[in-house]
Amino acid sequence: MHTNGLVLDLPSGLRVRVRFAEIKFSMIDGKLIKRLLGIEAAYCTMCNLSQQQCHGLEFTENGSHINRTIQDMRLVAESLSSATGKIR
């Protein structure tokens, strides 16, 4: 993929070749996300509602309640990281 690139056939019929200068693979799972948010025991990573509240009729009728932010996650990650950027 690095040398030849990746060929994408778009729905419009256009064929595009994409070449990558650098490829990095990384993955974080729900456990790490909860750790970074400081909410290991939480039911949901996107809101602060309980399992019971999320399964209630009011939640379904009113839609999702997203109140956790990437900024919150960044602050927790910074508090856990060393000067080199590695998580302690």
N, C-alpha and C. Protein backbone atom coordinates (compact mmCIF):
# COMPACT_ATOMS: atom_id res chain seq x y z
N MET A 1 0.83 -1.18 0.00
CA MET A 1 0.00 0.00 0.00
C MET A 1 0.88 1.26 0.00
N HIS A 2 2.01 1.20 0.70
CA HIS A 2 2.88 2.36 0.79
C HIS A 2 3.45 2.72 -0.58
N THR A 3 3.89 1.72 -1.34
CA THR A 3 4.52 1.97 -2.63
C THR A 3 3.49 2.20 -3.74
N ASN A 4 2.55 1.26 -3.86
CA ASN A 4 1.59 1.32 -4.95
C ASN A 4 0.36 2.16 -4.63
N GLY A 5 0.13 2.38 -3.39
CA GLY A 5 -1.06 3.13 -2.99
C GLY A 5 -2.28 2.23 -2.93
N LEU A 6 -3.41 2.87 -2.76
CA LEU A 6 -4.68 2.17 -2.65
C LEU A 6 -5.60 2.73 -3.72
N VAL A 7 -6.20 1.87 -4.52
CA VAL A 7 -7.09 2.32 -5.58
C VAL A 7 -8.52 2.26 -5.07
N LEU A 8 -9.22 3.38 -5.19
CA LEU A 8 -10.61 3.47 -4.76
C LEU A 8 -11.49 3.72 -5.98
N ASP A 9 -12.50 2.88 -6.15
CA ASP A 9 -13.48 3.09 -7.20
C ASP A 9 -14.68 3.78 -6.59
N LEU A 10 -14.88 5.05 -6.93
CA LEU A 10 -15.95 5.84 -6.36
C LEU A 10 -17.28 5.56 -7.07
N PRO A 11 -18.41 5.78 -6.39
CA PRO A 11 -19.72 5.54 -6.99
C PRO A 11 -19.94 6.33 -8.28
N SER A 12 -19.24 7.45 -8.43
CA SER A 12 -19.39 8.28 -9.63
C SER A 12 -18.71 7.66 -10.84
N GLY A 13 -17.96 6.57 -10.63
CA GLY A 13 -17.22 5.93 -11.72
C GLY A 13 -15.76 6.37 -11.76
N LEU A 14 -15.42 7.36 -10.99
CA LEU A 14 -14.05 7.86 -10.93
C LEU A 14 -13.18 6.89 -10.15
N ARG A 15 -11.99 6.63 -10.64
CA ARG A 15 -11.03 5.77 -9.95
C ARG A 15 -9.91 6.65 -9.42
N VAL A 16 -9.63 6.52 -8.13
CA VAL A 16 -8.62 7.36 -7.47
C VAL A 16 -7.57 6.47 -6.82
N ARG A 17 -6.31 6.83 -7.02
CA ARG A 17 -5.21 6.13 -6.35
C ARG A 17 -4.70 7.02 -5.23
N VAL A 18 -4.62 6.46 -4.04
CA VAL A 18 -4.16 7.20 -2.87
C VAL A 18 -2.85 6.58 -2.41
N ARG A 19 -1.84 7.42 -2.24
CA ARG A 19 -0.56 6.94 -1.71
C ARG A 19 -0.33 7.56 -0.35
N PHE A 20 0.23 6.79 0.55
CA PHE A 20 0.43 7.21 1.92
C PHE A 20 1.89 7.47 2.20
N ALA A 21 2.19 8.62 2.79
CA ALA A 21 3.57 8.93 3.17
C ALA A 21 3.95 8.18 4.44
N GLU A 22 2.98 8.03 5.33
CA GLU A 22 3.22 7.35 6.59
C GLU A 22 1.94 6.67 7.03
N ILE A 23 2.06 5.43 7.46
CA ILE A 23 0.89 4.69 7.93
C ILE A 23 1.12 4.33 9.38
N LYS A 24 0.18 4.72 10.22
CA LYS A 24 0.23 4.36 11.62
C LYS A 24 -1.08 3.70 11.98
N PHE A 25 -0.99 2.59 12.64
CA PHE A 25 -2.19 1.92 13.12
C PHE A 25 -2.24 2.05 14.63
N SER A 26 -3.37 2.46 15.12
CA SER A 26 -3.55 2.52 16.56
C SER A 26 -5.00 2.19 16.86
N MET A 27 -5.21 1.67 18.04
CA MET A 27 -6.56 1.29 18.40
C MET A 27 -6.70 1.42 19.91
N ILE A 28 -7.82 1.96 20.30
CA ILE A 28 -8.12 1.98 21.72
C ILE A 28 -9.48 1.35 21.90
N ASP A 29 -9.66 0.68 22.99
CA ASP A 29 -10.92 0.01 23.24
C ASP A 29 -11.73 0.77 24.28
N GLY A 30 -12.92 0.29 24.52
CA GLY A 30 -13.82 0.93 25.47
C GLY A 30 -13.23 1.05 26.86
N LYS A 31 -12.44 0.07 27.26
CA LYS A 31 -11.83 0.10 28.60
C LYS A 31 -10.88 1.28 28.73
N LEU A 32 -10.05 1.51 27.69
CA LEU A 32 -9.12 2.64 27.73
C LEU A 32 -9.88 3.96 27.65
N ILE A 33 -10.90 4.04 26.83
CA ILE A 33 -11.70 5.26 26.74
C ILE A 33 -12.29 5.59 28.11
N LYS A 34 -12.86 4.60 28.78
CA LYS A 34 -13.43 4.83 30.12
C LYS A 34 -12.34 5.28 31.09
N ARG A 35 -11.15 4.71 30.98
CA ARG A 35 -10.04 5.09 31.86
C ARG A 35 -9.64 6.54 31.61
N LEU A 36 -9.54 6.91 30.32
CA LEU A 36 -9.15 8.27 29.98
C LEU A 36 -10.19 9.29 30.40
N LEU A 37 -11.44 8.89 30.40
CA LEU A 37 -12.51 9.79 30.85
C LEU A 37 -12.68 9.78 32.36
N GLY A 38 -12.01 8.82 33.02
CA GLY A 38 -12.15 8.71 34.47
C GLY A 38 -13.51 8.17 34.88
N ILE A 39 -14.06 7.29 34.05
CA ILE A 39 -15.41 6.77 34.30
C ILE A 39 -15.45 5.24 34.19
N GLU A 40 -14.49 4.57 34.79
CA GLU A 40 -14.39 3.11 34.65
C GLU A 40 -15.68 2.37 34.98
N ALA A 41 -16.45 2.85 35.93
CA ALA A 41 -17.67 2.14 36.34
C ALA A 41 -18.92 2.62 35.61
N ALA A 42 -18.76 3.53 34.66
CA ALA A 42 -19.92 4.10 33.97
C ALA A 42 -20.56 3.10 33.00
N TYR A 43 -21.84 3.30 32.75
CA TYR A 43 -22.56 2.47 31.78
C TYR A 43 -22.24 2.92 30.36
N CYS A 44 -22.14 4.22 30.14
CA CYS A 44 -21.98 4.78 28.79
C CYS A 44 -20.78 5.71 28.74
N THR A 45 -20.05 5.70 27.63
CA THR A 45 -18.90 6.59 27.47
C THR A 45 -19.30 7.94 26.89
N MET A 46 -20.53 8.09 26.44
CA MET A 46 -20.95 9.34 25.80
C MET A 46 -21.80 10.23 26.70
N CYS A 47 -22.33 9.67 27.78
CA CYS A 47 -23.16 10.47 28.68
C CYS A 47 -22.94 10.01 30.12
N ASN A 48 -23.52 10.75 31.06
CA ASN A 48 -23.36 10.38 32.46
C ASN A 48 -24.64 9.78 33.05
N LEU A 49 -25.50 9.26 32.18
CA LEU A 49 -26.73 8.63 32.65
C LEU A 49 -26.48 7.19 33.08
N SER A 50 -27.33 6.69 33.93
CA SER A 50 -27.22 5.30 34.39
C SER A 50 -27.79 4.35 33.34
N GLN A 51 -27.53 3.08 33.52
CA GLN A 51 -28.10 2.08 32.61
C GLN A 51 -29.63 2.15 32.63
N GLN A 52 -30.18 2.31 33.81
CA GLN A 52 -31.64 2.38 33.95
C GLN A 52 -32.19 3.60 33.19
N GLN A 53 -31.52 4.74 33.30
CA GLN A 53 -31.97 5.93 32.59
C GLN A 53 -31.87 5.76 31.08
N CYS A 54 -30.79 5.12 30.61
CA CYS A 54 -30.59 4.93 29.17
C CYS A 54 -31.63 3.98 28.57
N HIS A 55 -32.14 3.08 29.37
CA HIS A 55 -33.13 2.13 28.87
C HIS A 55 -34.56 2.59 29.11
N GLY A 56 -34.71 3.78 29.70
CA GLY A 56 -36.05 4.29 30.00
C GLY A 56 -36.74 4.88 28.78
N LEU A 57 -38.03 4.99 28.85
CA LEU A 57 -38.84 5.52 27.76
C LEU A 57 -38.51 6.98 27.48
N GLU A 58 -38.26 7.76 28.53
CA GLU A 58 -37.95 9.18 28.35
C GLU A 58 -36.69 9.36 27.50
N PHE A 59 -35.66 8.55 27.75
CA PHE A 59 -34.41 8.62 26.98
C PHE A 59 -34.68 8.31 25.52
N THR A 60 -35.49 7.29 25.27
CA THR A 60 -35.80 6.89 23.90
C THR A 60 -36.59 7.98 23.18
N GLU A 61 -37.55 8.57 23.87
CA GLU A 61 -38.39 9.61 23.26
C GLU A 61 -37.60 10.89 22.99
N ASN A 62 -36.69 11.24 23.88
CA ASN A 62 -35.96 12.50 23.76
C ASN A 62 -34.65 12.39 22.99
N GLY A 63 -34.25 11.19 22.66
CA GLY A 63 -32.99 11.00 21.95
C GLY A 63 -31.80 10.92 22.89
N SER A 64 -30.64 10.69 22.32
CA SER A 64 -29.41 10.53 23.10
C SER A 64 -29.06 11.79 23.86
N HIS A 65 -28.35 11.59 24.93
CA HIS A 65 -27.91 12.69 25.80
C HIS A 65 -26.39 12.63 25.85
N ILE A 66 -25.72 13.30 24.92
CA ILE A 66 -24.25 13.28 24.87
C ILE A 66 -23.73 14.48 25.64
N ASN A 67 -23.03 14.21 26.74
CA ASN A 67 -22.49 15.32 27.52
C ASN A 67 -21.05 15.10 27.98
N ARG A 68 -20.39 14.12 27.43
CA ARG A 68 -18.96 13.95 27.70
C ARG A 68 -18.22 14.53 26.51
N THR A 69 -17.04 15.10 26.74
CA THR A 69 -16.32 15.78 25.67
C THR A 69 -14.91 15.22 25.50
N ILE A 70 -14.36 15.47 24.33
CA ILE A 70 -12.97 15.11 24.06
C ILE A 70 -12.05 15.92 24.97
N GLN A 71 -12.44 17.15 25.28
CA GLN A 71 -11.63 17.98 26.19
C GLN A 71 -11.50 17.30 27.55
N ASP A 72 -12.61 16.73 28.05
CA ASP A 72 -12.55 16.00 29.32
C ASP A 72 -11.54 14.86 29.23
N MET A 73 -11.58 14.13 28.11
CA MET A 73 -10.67 13.00 27.91
C MET A 73 -9.23 13.50 27.84
N ARG A 74 -9.01 14.61 27.16
CA ARG A 74 -7.65 15.15 27.04
C ARG A 74 -7.09 15.53 28.40
N LEU A 75 -7.88 16.16 29.24
CA LEU A 75 -7.42 16.57 30.56
C LEU A 75 -7.02 15.37 31.42
N VAL A 76 -7.82 14.31 31.36
CA VAL A 76 -7.49 13.10 32.12
C VAL A 76 -6.22 12.46 31.55
N ALA A 77 -6.12 12.38 30.21
CA ALA A 77 -4.94 11.78 29.58
C ALA A 77 -3.69 12.56 29.94
N GLU A 78 -3.77 13.88 29.93
CA GLU A 78 -2.61 14.70 30.29
C GLU A 78 -2.21 14.48 31.74
N SER A 79 -3.18 14.28 32.61
CA SER A 79 -2.85 14.05 34.01
C SER A 79 -2.21 12.68 34.23
N LEU A 80 -2.46 11.74 33.31
CA LEU A 80 -1.88 10.40 33.43
C LEU A 80 -0.58 10.23 32.68
N SER A 81 -0.24 11.18 31.82
CA SER A 81 0.94 10.99 30.98
C SER A 81 2.19 11.61 31.60
N SER A 82 3.32 11.08 31.18
CA SER A 82 4.61 11.60 31.63
C SER A 82 5.06 12.68 30.65
N ALA A 83 6.21 13.24 30.90
CA ALA A 83 6.75 14.28 30.02
C ALA A 83 7.01 13.75 28.61
N THR A 84 7.23 12.44 28.47
CA THR A 84 7.48 11.86 27.16
C THR A 84 6.21 11.56 26.39
N GLY A 85 5.05 11.73 27.03
CA GLY A 85 3.80 11.46 26.35
C GLY A 85 3.27 10.05 26.57
N LYS A 86 4.04 9.24 27.28
CA LYS A 86 3.62 7.87 27.56
C LYS A 86 2.64 7.86 28.73
N ILE A 87 1.62 7.00 28.63
CA ILE A 87 0.66 6.88 29.73
C ILE A 87 1.34 6.14 30.87
N ARG A 88 1.20 6.69 32.09
CA ARG A 88 1.80 6.05 33.27
C ARG A 88 0.98 4.86 33.69
